C-alpha cells in the first residue's frame, strides 16, 4: 500500500517547562486535524514527543503538517518528516499500529534531515519539514553508498516546504492565528471580531504575512495530487 507518511515531534521538548500540558494540547490537536483532513492512518502520539500518521495523497499530508504546526503554536513548535512509499501493517489491533515499509523509513530519514539542517547554519534554522520519496527506491541506502539520483517530485517539494516553513517562522503570533483560523474555514469578519480589529486590518495582516500565498500554494498542491 503506497502512502504519504508523517513522523513529527516537538522541537526542544526537553526544555519545555510543562510537558504534560503540551502533550494534552498535542493530543487534542491531532484529533482535530484528523477530523479536518481525513487520514488513511490517523495521526496519533507514539513514543515520547513523537507522533505519526499517513494519508493517501501527499498534498493532504503536507496540509496536515501545516495545520498541526499552526494549531500547536505558541504552545510548542514542531518538526516533520514526510515520506512516500509502501507501508505494511502487521497488527491492526495494536495502538500505535505495528507496521513497517519504505514509507516509514522515508519519513524517518526525512525528519533526521530536518534535525541535521537545524544545526547546520543560521539560514537553515527555519526548516521544519523535509520530504523523502521512496516510492521507486524501496529502502534507504547505506551511509557509505552514493546518494540516490535526485529525481521525481522531492526536489520541488522540498523547495516548497523550505519557503513555507520560513514564511511561518517569520510570522507574528497574530498572523499565525489568523492563518490558522482562515484555514479552518472562519471568515475574515469572524477573525476580526475574535481579534478585536477591523476586517480590513485582518486582510492587510494576511497579505503582509504571505498567508495568501501559503493558502493558495497548499490548495494548488492538494488539487494537483488529488
N, C-alpha and C. Protein backbone atom coordinates (compact mmCIF):
# COMPACT_ATOMS: atom_id res chain seq x y z
N UNK A 1 0.85 -1.19 0.00
CA UNK A 1 0.00 0.00 0.00
C UNK A 1 0.89 1.24 0.00
N UNK A 2 0.76 2.08 -1.04
CA UNK A 2 1.56 3.30 -1.15
C UNK A 2 0.87 4.43 -0.39
N UNK A 3 1.58 5.02 0.56
CA UNK A 3 1.02 6.09 1.38
C UNK A 3 2.00 7.23 1.55
N UNK A 4 1.45 8.42 1.83
CA UNK A 4 2.26 9.56 2.26
C UNK A 4 2.26 9.57 3.78
N UNK A 5 3.43 9.39 4.36
CA UNK A 5 3.56 9.22 5.80
C UNK A 5 4.10 10.46 6.47
N UNK A 6 3.76 10.63 7.75
CA UNK A 6 4.25 11.75 8.55
C UNK A 6 4.81 11.20 9.86
N UNK A 7 6.01 11.63 10.20
CA UNK A 7 6.54 11.48 11.56
C UNK A 7 6.86 12.88 12.05
N UNK A 8 6.30 13.27 13.17
CA UNK A 8 6.54 14.59 13.73
C UNK A 8 7.02 14.50 15.16
N UNK A 9 7.64 15.58 15.62
CA UNK A 9 8.00 15.65 17.03
C UNK A 9 8.05 17.10 17.49
N UNK A 10 8.15 17.28 18.81
CA UNK A 10 8.18 18.61 19.41
C UNK A 10 9.62 19.11 19.44
N UNK A 11 9.83 20.32 18.93
CA UNK A 11 11.17 20.91 18.93
C UNK A 11 11.54 21.33 20.35
N UNK A 12 12.75 20.92 20.79
CA UNK A 12 13.22 21.32 22.12
C UNK A 12 12.35 20.81 23.24
N UNK A 13 11.80 19.61 23.10
CA UNK A 13 10.84 19.10 24.09
C UNK A 13 11.44 18.97 25.48
N UNK A 14 12.72 18.71 25.58
CA UNK A 14 13.35 18.57 26.90
C UNK A 14 13.41 19.89 27.65
N UNK A 15 13.29 21.00 26.90
CA UNK A 15 13.33 22.31 27.55
C UNK A 15 11.93 22.84 27.87
N UNK A 16 10.89 22.11 27.47
CA UNK A 16 9.52 22.53 27.74
C UNK A 16 9.24 22.42 29.24
N UNK A 17 8.73 23.50 29.83
CA UNK A 17 8.51 23.52 31.29
C UNK A 17 7.44 22.52 31.72
N UNK A 18 6.29 22.54 31.06
CA UNK A 18 5.18 21.66 31.43
C UNK A 18 4.91 20.71 30.27
N UNK A 19 5.63 19.62 30.24
CA UNK A 19 5.50 18.69 29.12
C UNK A 19 4.14 18.01 29.11
N UNK A 20 3.57 17.82 30.30
CA UNK A 20 2.24 17.20 30.37
C UNK A 20 1.19 18.04 29.68
N UNK A 21 1.25 19.35 29.90
CA UNK A 21 0.29 20.26 29.26
C UNK A 21 0.47 20.25 27.75
N UNK A 22 1.73 20.23 27.28
CA UNK A 22 1.99 20.19 25.84
C UNK A 22 1.46 18.90 25.24
N UNK A 23 1.62 17.79 25.96
CA UNK A 23 1.10 16.51 25.46
C UNK A 23 -0.42 16.55 25.34
N UNK A 24 -1.08 17.19 26.30
CA UNK A 24 -2.54 17.30 26.23
C UNK A 24 -2.97 18.11 25.00
N UNK A 25 -2.29 19.24 24.78
CA UNK A 25 -2.62 20.07 23.61
C UNK A 25 -2.31 19.32 22.32
N UNK A 26 -1.21 18.58 22.31
CA UNK A 26 -0.85 17.79 21.13
C UNK A 26 -1.92 16.76 20.81
N UNK A 27 -2.38 16.03 21.82
CA UNK A 27 -3.41 15.01 21.62
C UNK A 27 -4.69 15.63 21.06
N UNK A 28 -5.09 16.78 21.61
CA UNK A 28 -6.30 17.45 21.14
C UNK A 28 -6.13 17.95 19.70
N UNK A 29 -4.93 18.46 19.41
CA UNK A 29 -4.67 19.00 18.07
C UNK A 29 -4.68 17.89 17.03
N UNK A 30 -4.04 16.76 17.34
CA UNK A 30 -4.03 15.65 16.39
C UNK A 30 -5.44 15.15 16.10
N UNK A 31 -6.28 15.08 17.15
CA UNK A 31 -7.66 14.64 16.96
C UNK A 31 -8.42 15.61 16.07
N UNK A 32 -8.17 16.90 16.26
CA UNK A 32 -8.86 17.91 15.45
C UNK A 32 -8.44 17.84 13.99
N UNK A 33 -7.14 17.68 13.75
CA UNK A 33 -6.66 17.61 12.38
C UNK A 33 -7.13 16.33 11.70
N UNK A 34 -7.28 15.25 12.46
CA UNK A 34 -7.83 14.01 11.89
C UNK A 34 -9.25 14.24 11.35
N UNK A 35 -10.00 15.13 12.01
CA UNK A 35 -11.35 15.43 11.53
C UNK A 35 -11.32 16.33 10.30
N UNK A 36 -10.34 17.24 10.27
CA UNK A 36 -10.27 18.21 9.18
C UNK A 36 -9.70 17.63 7.89
N UNK A 37 -8.69 16.74 8.04
CA UNK A 37 -8.04 16.13 6.88
C UNK A 37 -8.11 14.62 7.07
N UNK A 38 -9.08 13.94 6.49
CA UNK A 38 -9.26 12.51 6.72
C UNK A 38 -8.00 11.72 6.36
N UNK A 39 -7.45 10.95 7.31
CA UNK A 39 -6.22 10.21 7.06
C UNK A 39 -6.48 8.77 6.66
N UNK A 40 -5.47 8.15 6.07
CA UNK A 40 -5.51 6.71 5.85
C UNK A 40 -5.20 6.00 7.16
N UNK A 41 -4.29 6.58 7.94
CA UNK A 41 -3.98 6.14 9.30
C UNK A 41 -3.98 7.38 10.17
N UNK A 42 -4.82 7.45 11.20
CA UNK A 42 -4.96 8.68 11.98
C UNK A 42 -3.65 9.13 12.61
N UNK A 43 -3.49 10.44 12.70
CA UNK A 43 -2.38 11.00 13.46
C UNK A 43 -2.55 10.62 14.91
N UNK A 44 -1.49 10.11 15.53
CA UNK A 44 -1.54 9.72 16.94
C UNK A 44 -0.15 9.79 17.55
N UNK A 45 -0.13 10.06 18.85
CA UNK A 45 1.14 10.08 19.57
C UNK A 45 1.69 8.66 19.64
N UNK A 46 3.02 8.55 19.56
CA UNK A 46 3.65 7.23 19.58
C UNK A 46 4.54 7.10 20.81
N UNK A 47 5.80 7.51 20.72
CA UNK A 47 6.73 7.38 21.83
C UNK A 47 7.28 8.76 22.17
N UNK A 48 7.31 9.09 23.47
CA UNK A 48 7.85 10.37 23.88
C UNK A 48 7.05 11.51 23.29
N UNK A 49 7.72 12.41 22.58
CA UNK A 49 7.07 13.56 21.99
C UNK A 49 6.85 13.39 20.49
N UNK A 50 6.89 12.15 20.01
CA UNK A 50 6.67 11.88 18.60
C UNK A 50 5.20 11.58 18.31
N UNK A 51 4.83 11.78 17.05
CA UNK A 51 3.51 11.39 16.58
C UNK A 51 3.64 11.02 15.11
N UNK A 52 2.66 10.29 14.60
CA UNK A 52 2.73 9.86 13.21
C UNK A 52 1.34 9.62 12.65
N UNK A 53 1.28 9.58 11.32
CA UNK A 53 0.03 9.33 10.62
C UNK A 53 0.34 9.11 9.15
N UNK A 54 -0.69 8.80 8.37
CA UNK A 54 -0.47 8.54 6.95
C UNK A 54 -1.70 8.96 6.15
N UNK A 55 -1.46 9.32 4.88
CA UNK A 55 -2.50 9.82 4.00
C UNK A 55 -2.39 9.18 2.63
N UNK A 56 -3.50 9.10 1.93
CA UNK A 56 -3.49 8.54 0.59
C UNK A 56 -2.84 9.51 -0.41
N UNK A 57 -2.94 10.81 -0.14
CA UNK A 57 -2.40 11.82 -1.04
C UNK A 57 -1.32 12.64 -0.35
N UNK A 58 -0.24 12.92 -1.06
CA UNK A 58 0.85 13.71 -0.49
C UNK A 58 0.38 15.11 -0.13
N UNK A 59 -0.47 15.71 -0.95
CA UNK A 59 -0.96 17.04 -0.65
C UNK A 59 -1.69 17.11 0.68
N UNK A 60 -2.43 16.07 1.03
CA UNK A 60 -3.12 16.03 2.31
C UNK A 60 -2.13 15.93 3.47
N UNK A 61 -1.08 15.15 3.29
CA UNK A 61 -0.06 15.02 4.34
C UNK A 61 0.63 16.36 4.59
N UNK A 62 0.94 17.07 3.52
CA UNK A 62 1.59 18.39 3.64
C UNK A 62 0.65 19.36 4.34
N UNK A 63 -0.63 19.35 3.97
CA UNK A 63 -1.61 20.25 4.58
C UNK A 63 -1.78 19.93 6.06
N UNK A 64 -1.83 18.65 6.40
CA UNK A 64 -1.98 18.26 7.80
C UNK A 64 -0.80 18.74 8.63
N UNK A 65 0.41 18.66 8.07
CA UNK A 65 1.58 19.12 8.82
C UNK A 65 1.49 20.61 9.12
N UNK A 66 0.97 21.39 8.18
CA UNK A 66 0.80 22.82 8.39
C UNK A 66 -0.22 23.09 9.49
N UNK A 67 -1.37 22.41 9.44
CA UNK A 67 -2.40 22.62 10.45
C UNK A 67 -1.92 22.27 11.85
N UNK A 68 -1.25 21.14 11.98
CA UNK A 68 -0.76 20.74 13.30
C UNK A 68 0.20 21.78 13.84
N UNK A 69 1.13 22.23 13.00
CA UNK A 69 2.11 23.21 13.48
C UNK A 69 1.44 24.51 13.90
N UNK A 70 0.53 25.03 13.07
CA UNK A 70 -0.12 26.29 13.39
C UNK A 70 -0.96 26.20 14.66
N UNK A 71 -1.69 25.10 14.82
CA UNK A 71 -2.56 24.95 15.98
C UNK A 71 -1.78 24.73 17.27
N UNK A 72 -0.57 24.18 17.17
CA UNK A 72 0.24 23.97 18.38
C UNK A 72 1.02 25.22 18.80
N UNK A 73 1.31 26.10 17.84
CA UNK A 73 1.97 27.35 18.19
C UNK A 73 0.94 28.26 18.88
N UNK A 74 1.31 28.98 19.95
CA UNK A 74 2.65 29.15 20.52
C UNK A 74 2.99 28.18 21.66
N UNK A 75 2.16 27.14 21.87
CA UNK A 75 2.44 26.19 22.96
C UNK A 75 3.78 25.50 22.75
N UNK A 76 4.03 25.08 21.51
CA UNK A 76 5.28 24.39 21.18
C UNK A 76 5.44 24.40 19.67
N UNK A 77 6.69 24.38 19.22
CA UNK A 77 6.95 24.26 17.80
C UNK A 77 7.21 22.78 17.48
N UNK A 78 7.00 22.42 16.22
CA UNK A 78 7.10 21.02 15.82
C UNK A 78 7.85 20.91 14.50
N UNK A 79 8.42 19.73 14.28
CA UNK A 79 9.10 19.44 13.01
C UNK A 79 8.51 18.17 12.41
N UNK A 80 8.73 17.99 11.09
CA UNK A 80 8.04 16.91 10.38
C UNK A 80 8.94 16.24 9.35
N UNK A 81 8.87 14.93 9.30
CA UNK A 81 9.44 14.16 8.22
C UNK A 81 8.29 13.59 7.41
N UNK A 82 8.27 13.89 6.11
CA UNK A 82 7.24 13.36 5.22
C UNK A 82 7.86 12.32 4.30
N UNK A 83 7.20 11.21 4.14
CA UNK A 83 7.70 10.14 3.28
C UNK A 83 6.65 9.68 2.30
N UNK A 84 7.11 9.06 1.24
CA UNK A 84 6.20 8.45 0.27
C UNK A 84 6.76 7.08 -0.08
N UNK A 85 5.96 6.06 0.14
CA UNK A 85 6.43 4.71 -0.13
C UNK A 85 5.44 3.67 0.36
N UNK A 86 5.79 2.42 0.14
CA UNK A 86 4.92 1.33 0.57
C UNK A 86 4.90 1.18 2.08
N UNK A 87 3.73 0.82 2.62
CA UNK A 87 3.56 0.61 4.05
C UNK A 87 2.88 -0.74 4.27
N UNK A 88 3.43 -1.53 5.17
CA UNK A 88 2.85 -2.81 5.54
C UNK A 88 2.42 -2.77 7.00
N UNK A 89 1.16 -3.07 7.27
CA UNK A 89 0.64 -3.13 8.64
C UNK A 89 0.63 -4.58 9.09
N UNK A 90 1.32 -4.85 10.21
CA UNK A 90 1.41 -6.22 10.71
C UNK A 90 0.29 -6.55 11.68
N UNK A 91 -0.04 -5.61 12.58
CA UNK A 91 -1.05 -5.87 13.60
C UNK A 91 -2.00 -4.69 13.69
N UNK A 92 -3.23 -4.85 13.20
CA UNK A 92 -4.21 -3.78 13.21
C UNK A 92 -4.67 -3.42 14.62
N UNK A 93 -4.72 -4.41 15.52
CA UNK A 93 -5.29 -4.19 16.84
C UNK A 93 -4.38 -3.40 17.76
N UNK A 94 -3.10 -3.35 17.45
CA UNK A 94 -2.15 -2.66 18.32
C UNK A 94 -2.21 -1.15 18.11
N UNK A 95 -2.06 -0.37 19.21
CA UNK A 95 -2.01 1.08 19.15
C UNK A 95 -0.72 1.57 19.79
N UNK A 96 0.18 2.26 19.04
CA UNK A 96 0.06 2.52 17.61
C UNK A 96 0.22 1.24 16.79
N UNK A 97 -0.17 1.29 15.54
CA UNK A 97 -0.13 0.12 14.67
C UNK A 97 1.28 -0.45 14.59
N UNK A 98 1.36 -1.78 14.51
CA UNK A 98 2.63 -2.44 14.24
C UNK A 98 2.81 -2.50 12.73
N UNK A 99 3.80 -1.74 12.20
CA UNK A 99 3.92 -1.61 10.77
C UNK A 99 5.35 -1.31 10.36
N UNK A 100 5.61 -1.41 9.08
CA UNK A 100 6.95 -1.21 8.55
C UNK A 100 6.82 -0.87 7.07
N UNK A 101 7.94 -0.64 6.43
CA UNK A 101 7.94 -0.42 4.99
C UNK A 101 8.69 0.83 4.59
N UNK A 102 9.00 0.98 3.32
CA UNK A 102 9.75 2.13 2.82
C UNK A 102 9.12 3.47 3.14
N UNK A 103 7.78 3.53 3.22
CA UNK A 103 7.12 4.79 3.54
C UNK A 103 7.54 5.33 4.89
N UNK A 104 7.61 4.42 5.89
CA UNK A 104 8.01 4.87 7.23
C UNK A 104 9.51 5.14 7.31
N UNK A 105 10.30 4.34 6.62
CA UNK A 105 11.74 4.63 6.59
C UNK A 105 11.99 5.98 5.93
N UNK A 106 11.21 6.32 4.92
CA UNK A 106 11.36 7.60 4.25
C UNK A 106 11.05 8.76 5.20
N UNK A 107 9.96 8.64 5.95
CA UNK A 107 9.59 9.68 6.90
C UNK A 107 10.65 9.83 7.99
N UNK A 108 11.19 8.71 8.46
CA UNK A 108 12.25 8.76 9.48
C UNK A 108 13.51 9.41 8.92
N UNK A 109 13.86 9.06 7.70
CA UNK A 109 15.01 9.68 7.04
C UNK A 109 14.80 11.19 6.90
N UNK A 110 13.58 11.58 6.58
CA UNK A 110 13.27 12.99 6.36
C UNK A 110 13.36 13.79 7.65
N UNK A 111 12.84 13.27 8.75
CA UNK A 111 12.88 14.05 9.99
C UNK A 111 14.30 14.16 10.53
N UNK A 112 15.11 13.18 10.26
CA UNK A 112 16.53 13.28 10.63
C UNK A 112 17.23 14.36 9.81
N UNK A 113 16.82 14.51 8.56
CA UNK A 113 17.39 15.57 7.73
C UNK A 113 17.02 16.95 8.27
N UNK A 114 15.77 17.10 8.73
CA UNK A 114 15.35 18.37 9.33
C UNK A 114 16.21 18.67 10.55
N UNK A 115 16.39 17.68 11.41
CA UNK A 115 17.19 17.87 12.62
C UNK A 115 18.62 18.26 12.28
N UNK A 116 19.18 17.64 11.26
CA UNK A 116 20.54 17.95 10.85
C UNK A 116 20.63 19.36 10.29
N UNK A 117 19.65 19.78 9.51
CA UNK A 117 19.66 21.11 8.91
C UNK A 117 19.53 22.20 9.97
N UNK A 118 18.79 21.94 11.03
CA UNK A 118 18.60 22.94 12.06
C UNK A 118 19.91 23.37 12.70
N UNK A 119 20.86 22.46 12.79
CA UNK A 119 22.11 22.78 13.45
C UNK A 119 23.22 23.19 12.52
N UNK A 120 22.94 23.24 11.21
CA UNK A 120 23.99 23.47 10.23
C UNK A 120 24.39 24.93 10.11
N UNK A 121 23.43 25.80 9.90
CA UNK A 121 23.73 27.21 9.70
C UNK A 121 22.47 28.02 9.96
N UNK A 122 22.67 29.32 10.17
CA UNK A 122 21.54 30.19 10.52
C UNK A 122 20.45 30.16 9.46
N UNK A 123 20.84 30.07 8.19
CA UNK A 123 19.86 30.12 7.11
C UNK A 123 18.96 28.89 7.08
N UNK A 124 19.33 27.82 7.81
CA UNK A 124 18.53 26.59 7.80
C UNK A 124 17.72 26.41 9.08
N UNK A 125 17.80 27.35 10.01
CA UNK A 125 17.13 27.17 11.28
C UNK A 125 15.62 27.25 11.19
N UNK A 126 15.12 27.84 10.10
CA UNK A 126 13.67 27.89 9.94
C UNK A 126 13.09 26.63 9.35
N UNK A 127 13.93 25.70 8.92
CA UNK A 127 13.44 24.45 8.32
C UNK A 127 12.73 23.61 9.36
N UNK A 128 11.52 23.20 9.06
CA UNK A 128 10.76 22.36 9.98
C UNK A 128 10.20 21.11 9.30
N UNK A 129 10.33 21.01 7.98
CA UNK A 129 9.74 19.89 7.26
C UNK A 129 10.65 19.47 6.12
N UNK A 130 10.73 18.15 5.90
CA UNK A 130 11.51 17.62 4.77
C UNK A 130 10.76 16.43 4.20
N UNK A 131 10.97 16.19 2.91
CA UNK A 131 10.27 15.10 2.22
C UNK A 131 11.26 14.16 1.55
N UNK A 132 11.04 12.86 1.71
CA UNK A 132 11.84 11.82 1.06
C UNK A 132 10.90 10.89 0.31
N UNK A 133 11.20 10.66 -0.96
CA UNK A 133 10.38 9.80 -1.81
C UNK A 133 11.05 8.44 -1.95
N UNK A 134 10.43 7.41 -1.39
CA UNK A 134 10.92 6.04 -1.52
C UNK A 134 9.93 5.18 -2.30
N UNK A 135 9.08 5.82 -3.09
CA UNK A 135 8.10 5.05 -3.85
C UNK A 135 8.76 4.24 -4.96
N UNK A 136 9.91 4.70 -5.48
CA UNK A 136 10.60 3.95 -6.52
C UNK A 136 11.96 3.45 -6.10
N UNK A 137 12.41 3.80 -4.90
CA UNK A 137 13.70 3.38 -4.35
C UNK A 137 13.41 2.79 -2.99
N UNK A 138 13.08 1.50 -2.91
CA UNK A 138 12.41 0.92 -1.75
C UNK A 138 13.05 1.17 -0.39
N UNK A 139 14.36 1.06 -0.24
CA UNK A 139 14.95 1.14 1.09
C UNK A 139 16.05 2.19 1.13
N UNK A 140 16.25 2.83 2.31
CA UNK A 140 17.34 3.81 2.43
C UNK A 140 18.68 3.17 2.10
N UNK A 141 19.55 3.93 1.48
CA UNK A 141 20.87 3.41 1.15
C UNK A 141 21.78 3.43 2.38
N UNK A 142 22.79 2.58 2.37
CA UNK A 142 23.80 2.60 3.42
C UNK A 142 24.50 3.96 3.41
N UNK A 143 25.02 4.36 4.57
CA UNK A 143 25.65 5.66 4.68
C UNK A 143 26.86 5.79 3.77
N UNK A 144 27.51 4.66 3.43
CA UNK A 144 28.70 4.70 2.58
C UNK A 144 28.36 4.64 1.09
N UNK A 145 27.09 4.43 0.79
CA UNK A 145 26.70 4.31 -0.61
C UNK A 145 26.53 5.70 -1.22
N UNK A 146 26.66 5.82 -2.54
CA UNK A 146 26.45 7.12 -3.18
C UNK A 146 24.99 7.53 -3.05
N UNK A 147 24.70 8.83 -3.02
CA UNK A 147 23.31 9.28 -2.88
C UNK A 147 22.46 8.86 -4.07
N UNK A 148 21.19 8.64 -3.80
CA UNK A 148 20.26 8.28 -4.86
C UNK A 148 20.08 9.48 -5.80
N UNK A 149 19.81 9.23 -7.07
CA UNK A 149 19.59 10.34 -8.00
C UNK A 149 18.44 11.23 -7.54
N UNK A 150 18.58 12.55 -7.69
CA UNK A 150 17.56 13.49 -7.28
C UNK A 150 16.53 13.64 -8.40
N UNK A 151 15.62 12.69 -8.45
CA UNK A 151 14.60 12.70 -9.48
C UNK A 151 13.23 12.77 -8.83
N UNK A 152 12.19 12.91 -9.65
CA UNK A 152 10.83 12.91 -9.14
C UNK A 152 10.46 14.24 -8.51
N UNK A 153 9.48 14.18 -7.58
CA UNK A 153 8.91 15.40 -7.01
C UNK A 153 9.69 15.91 -5.81
N UNK A 154 10.61 15.14 -5.25
CA UNK A 154 11.24 15.51 -3.99
C UNK A 154 11.94 16.86 -4.03
N UNK A 155 12.79 17.18 -5.03
CA UNK A 155 13.46 18.49 -5.01
C UNK A 155 12.48 19.66 -5.01
N UNK A 156 11.45 19.59 -5.86
CA UNK A 156 10.47 20.68 -5.92
C UNK A 156 9.67 20.75 -4.62
N UNK A 157 9.31 19.60 -4.06
CA UNK A 157 8.55 19.59 -2.82
C UNK A 157 9.36 20.20 -1.67
N UNK A 158 10.63 19.87 -1.59
CA UNK A 158 11.45 20.41 -0.50
C UNK A 158 11.70 21.90 -0.68
N UNK A 159 11.80 22.36 -1.92
CA UNK A 159 11.90 23.81 -2.15
C UNK A 159 10.64 24.51 -1.65
N UNK A 160 9.48 23.92 -1.94
CA UNK A 160 8.21 24.45 -1.46
C UNK A 160 8.17 24.48 0.07
N UNK A 161 8.56 23.38 0.70
CA UNK A 161 8.49 23.27 2.15
C UNK A 161 9.44 24.25 2.85
N UNK A 162 10.62 24.45 2.28
CA UNK A 162 11.56 25.41 2.87
C UNK A 162 10.97 26.82 2.85
N UNK A 163 10.36 27.20 1.74
CA UNK A 163 9.74 28.53 1.64
C UNK A 163 8.54 28.64 2.58
N UNK A 164 7.73 27.59 2.63
CA UNK A 164 6.57 27.62 3.52
C UNK A 164 6.99 27.78 4.98
N UNK A 165 7.94 26.97 5.42
CA UNK A 165 8.34 26.99 6.82
C UNK A 165 9.00 28.31 7.20
N UNK A 166 9.77 28.87 6.28
CA UNK A 166 10.38 30.17 6.54
C UNK A 166 9.31 31.24 6.68
N UNK A 167 8.28 31.17 5.85
CA UNK A 167 7.18 32.14 5.94
C UNK A 167 6.47 32.03 7.29
N UNK A 168 6.19 30.81 7.73
CA UNK A 168 5.53 30.61 9.02
C UNK A 168 6.43 31.11 10.15
N UNK A 169 7.72 30.84 10.06
CA UNK A 169 8.65 31.25 11.11
C UNK A 169 8.76 32.75 11.24
N UNK A 170 8.57 33.49 10.15
CA UNK A 170 8.69 34.94 10.17
C UNK A 170 7.39 35.62 10.61
N UNK A 171 6.30 34.89 10.64
CA UNK A 171 5.02 35.47 11.06
C UNK A 171 5.00 35.76 12.55
N UNK A 172 4.27 36.81 12.94
CA UNK A 172 4.00 37.04 14.34
C UNK A 172 2.88 36.13 14.82
N UNK A 173 2.63 36.12 16.13
CA UNK A 173 1.63 35.22 16.69
C UNK A 173 0.23 35.52 16.14
N UNK A 174 -0.10 36.81 15.97
CA UNK A 174 -1.43 37.14 15.44
C UNK A 174 -1.59 36.63 14.01
N UNK A 175 -0.57 36.84 13.18
CA UNK A 175 -0.65 36.39 11.79
C UNK A 175 -0.84 34.87 11.73
N UNK A 176 -0.16 34.14 12.60
CA UNK A 176 -0.33 32.68 12.62
C UNK A 176 -1.74 32.30 13.05
N UNK A 177 -2.28 33.01 14.05
CA UNK A 177 -3.65 32.72 14.48
C UNK A 177 -4.63 32.99 13.34
N UNK A 178 -4.42 34.10 12.65
CA UNK A 178 -5.31 34.45 11.54
C UNK A 178 -5.24 33.41 10.43
N UNK A 179 -4.03 32.99 10.09
CA UNK A 179 -3.89 31.97 9.04
C UNK A 179 -4.53 30.66 9.47
N UNK A 180 -4.31 30.25 10.73
CA UNK A 180 -4.92 29.01 11.22
C UNK A 180 -6.43 29.09 11.15
N UNK A 181 -6.99 30.20 11.63
CA UNK A 181 -8.44 30.35 11.60
C UNK A 181 -8.99 30.37 10.19
N UNK A 182 -8.28 30.99 9.30
CA UNK A 182 -8.67 31.07 7.90
C UNK A 182 -8.69 29.69 7.27
N UNK A 183 -7.65 28.91 7.54
CA UNK A 183 -7.58 27.56 7.00
C UNK A 183 -8.66 26.66 7.59
N UNK A 184 -9.13 27.00 8.79
CA UNK A 184 -10.20 26.22 9.43
C UNK A 184 -11.59 26.63 8.93
N UNK A 185 -11.64 27.61 8.02
CA UNK A 185 -12.91 27.97 7.41
C UNK A 185 -13.59 29.18 8.02
N UNK A 186 -12.93 29.89 8.95
CA UNK A 186 -13.53 31.07 9.54
C UNK A 186 -13.40 32.25 8.56
N UNK A 187 -14.41 33.10 8.52
CA UNK A 187 -14.38 34.25 7.64
C UNK A 187 -13.48 35.33 8.22
N UNK A 188 -13.08 36.26 7.35
CA UNK A 188 -12.25 37.37 7.83
C UNK A 188 -13.01 38.21 8.85
N UNK A 189 -14.32 38.34 8.71
CA UNK A 189 -15.11 39.10 9.68
C UNK A 189 -15.11 38.39 11.03
N UNK A 190 -15.25 37.07 11.03
CA UNK A 190 -15.19 36.31 12.28
C UNK A 190 -13.83 36.44 12.95
N UNK A 191 -12.78 36.39 12.14
CA UNK A 191 -11.43 36.55 12.68
C UNK A 191 -11.25 37.95 13.27
N UNK A 192 -11.80 38.95 12.59
CA UNK A 192 -11.69 40.33 13.07
C UNK A 192 -12.36 40.49 14.43
N UNK A 193 -13.55 39.91 14.57
CA UNK A 193 -14.26 40.01 15.85
C UNK A 193 -13.50 39.31 16.96
N UNK A 194 -12.89 38.16 16.66
CA UNK A 194 -12.13 37.43 17.68
C UNK A 194 -10.88 38.20 18.11
N UNK A 195 -10.26 38.92 17.17
CA UNK A 195 -9.04 39.66 17.47
C UNK A 195 -9.31 41.08 17.96
N UNK A 196 -10.55 41.55 17.81
CA UNK A 196 -10.86 42.91 18.20
C UNK A 196 -10.31 43.95 17.26
N UNK A 197 -10.26 43.60 15.97
CA UNK A 197 -9.75 44.52 14.95
C UNK A 197 -10.75 44.55 13.80
N UNK A 198 -10.49 45.41 12.81
CA UNK A 198 -11.39 45.51 11.68
C UNK A 198 -11.12 44.40 10.66
N UNK A 199 -12.13 44.16 9.80
CA UNK A 199 -11.95 43.17 8.74
C UNK A 199 -10.85 43.60 7.79
N UNK A 200 -10.75 44.91 7.56
CA UNK A 200 -9.70 45.43 6.70
C UNK A 200 -8.32 45.16 7.28
N UNK A 201 -8.19 45.28 8.61
CA UNK A 201 -6.91 45.00 9.27
C UNK A 201 -6.54 43.53 9.15
N UNK A 202 -7.55 42.64 9.20
CA UNK A 202 -7.29 41.21 9.02
C UNK A 202 -6.76 40.96 7.62
N UNK A 203 -7.42 41.54 6.61
CA UNK A 203 -6.99 41.34 5.23
C UNK A 203 -5.57 41.84 5.01
N UNK A 204 -5.25 43.00 5.59
CA UNK A 204 -3.91 43.55 5.44
C UNK A 204 -2.87 42.67 6.14
N UNK A 205 -3.22 42.16 7.33
CA UNK A 205 -2.29 41.30 8.07
C UNK A 205 -2.02 40.01 7.32
N UNK A 206 -3.05 39.44 6.73
CA UNK A 206 -2.88 38.22 5.95
C UNK A 206 -2.00 38.47 4.73
N UNK A 207 -2.20 39.62 4.11
CA UNK A 207 -1.40 39.95 2.93
C UNK A 207 0.06 40.19 3.28
N UNK A 208 0.32 40.95 4.33
CA UNK A 208 1.70 41.26 4.71
C UNK A 208 2.47 40.02 5.14
N UNK A 209 1.79 39.05 5.72
CA UNK A 209 2.45 37.87 6.28
C UNK A 209 2.63 36.73 5.28
N UNK A 210 2.22 36.93 4.03
CA UNK A 210 2.30 35.90 2.97
C UNK A 210 1.29 34.78 3.18
N UNK A 211 0.28 35.02 4.03
CA UNK A 211 -0.71 33.98 4.30
C UNK A 211 -1.49 33.61 3.04
N UNK A 212 -1.78 34.58 2.19
CA UNK A 212 -2.49 34.28 0.95
C UNK A 212 -1.69 33.28 0.11
N UNK A 213 -0.39 33.53 0.01
CA UNK A 213 0.46 32.65 -0.78
C UNK A 213 0.53 31.25 -0.18
N UNK A 214 0.65 31.17 1.15
CA UNK A 214 0.70 29.87 1.81
C UNK A 214 -0.58 29.09 1.57
N UNK A 215 -1.73 29.76 1.73
CA UNK A 215 -3.00 29.08 1.50
C UNK A 215 -3.14 28.62 0.04
N UNK A 216 -2.87 29.54 -0.89
CA UNK A 216 -3.05 29.22 -2.30
C UNK A 216 -2.10 28.10 -2.75
N UNK A 217 -0.87 28.10 -2.22
CA UNK A 217 0.10 27.07 -2.58
C UNK A 217 -0.38 25.70 -2.10
N UNK A 218 -0.95 25.65 -0.89
CA UNK A 218 -1.44 24.36 -0.39
C UNK A 218 -2.66 23.89 -1.16
N UNK A 219 -3.53 24.83 -1.52
CA UNK A 219 -4.70 24.43 -2.32
C UNK A 219 -4.27 23.88 -3.67
N UNK A 220 -3.30 24.53 -4.30
CA UNK A 220 -2.81 24.06 -5.60
C UNK A 220 -2.17 22.68 -5.47
N UNK A 221 -1.43 22.47 -4.39
CA UNK A 221 -0.77 21.18 -4.18
C UNK A 221 -1.79 20.07 -3.97
N UNK A 222 -2.82 20.34 -3.19
CA UNK A 222 -3.85 19.32 -2.93
C UNK A 222 -4.64 19.01 -4.20
N UNK A 223 -4.92 20.03 -5.00
CA UNK A 223 -5.63 19.80 -6.25
C UNK A 223 -4.78 18.98 -7.22
N UNK A 224 -3.48 19.25 -7.23
CA UNK A 224 -2.59 18.54 -8.13
C UNK A 224 -2.34 17.11 -7.76
N UNK A 225 -2.45 16.78 -6.45
CA UNK A 225 -2.18 15.41 -6.01
C UNK A 225 -3.46 14.64 -5.74
N UNK A 226 -4.59 15.30 -5.95
CA UNK A 226 -5.86 14.63 -5.68
C UNK A 226 -6.27 13.64 -6.75
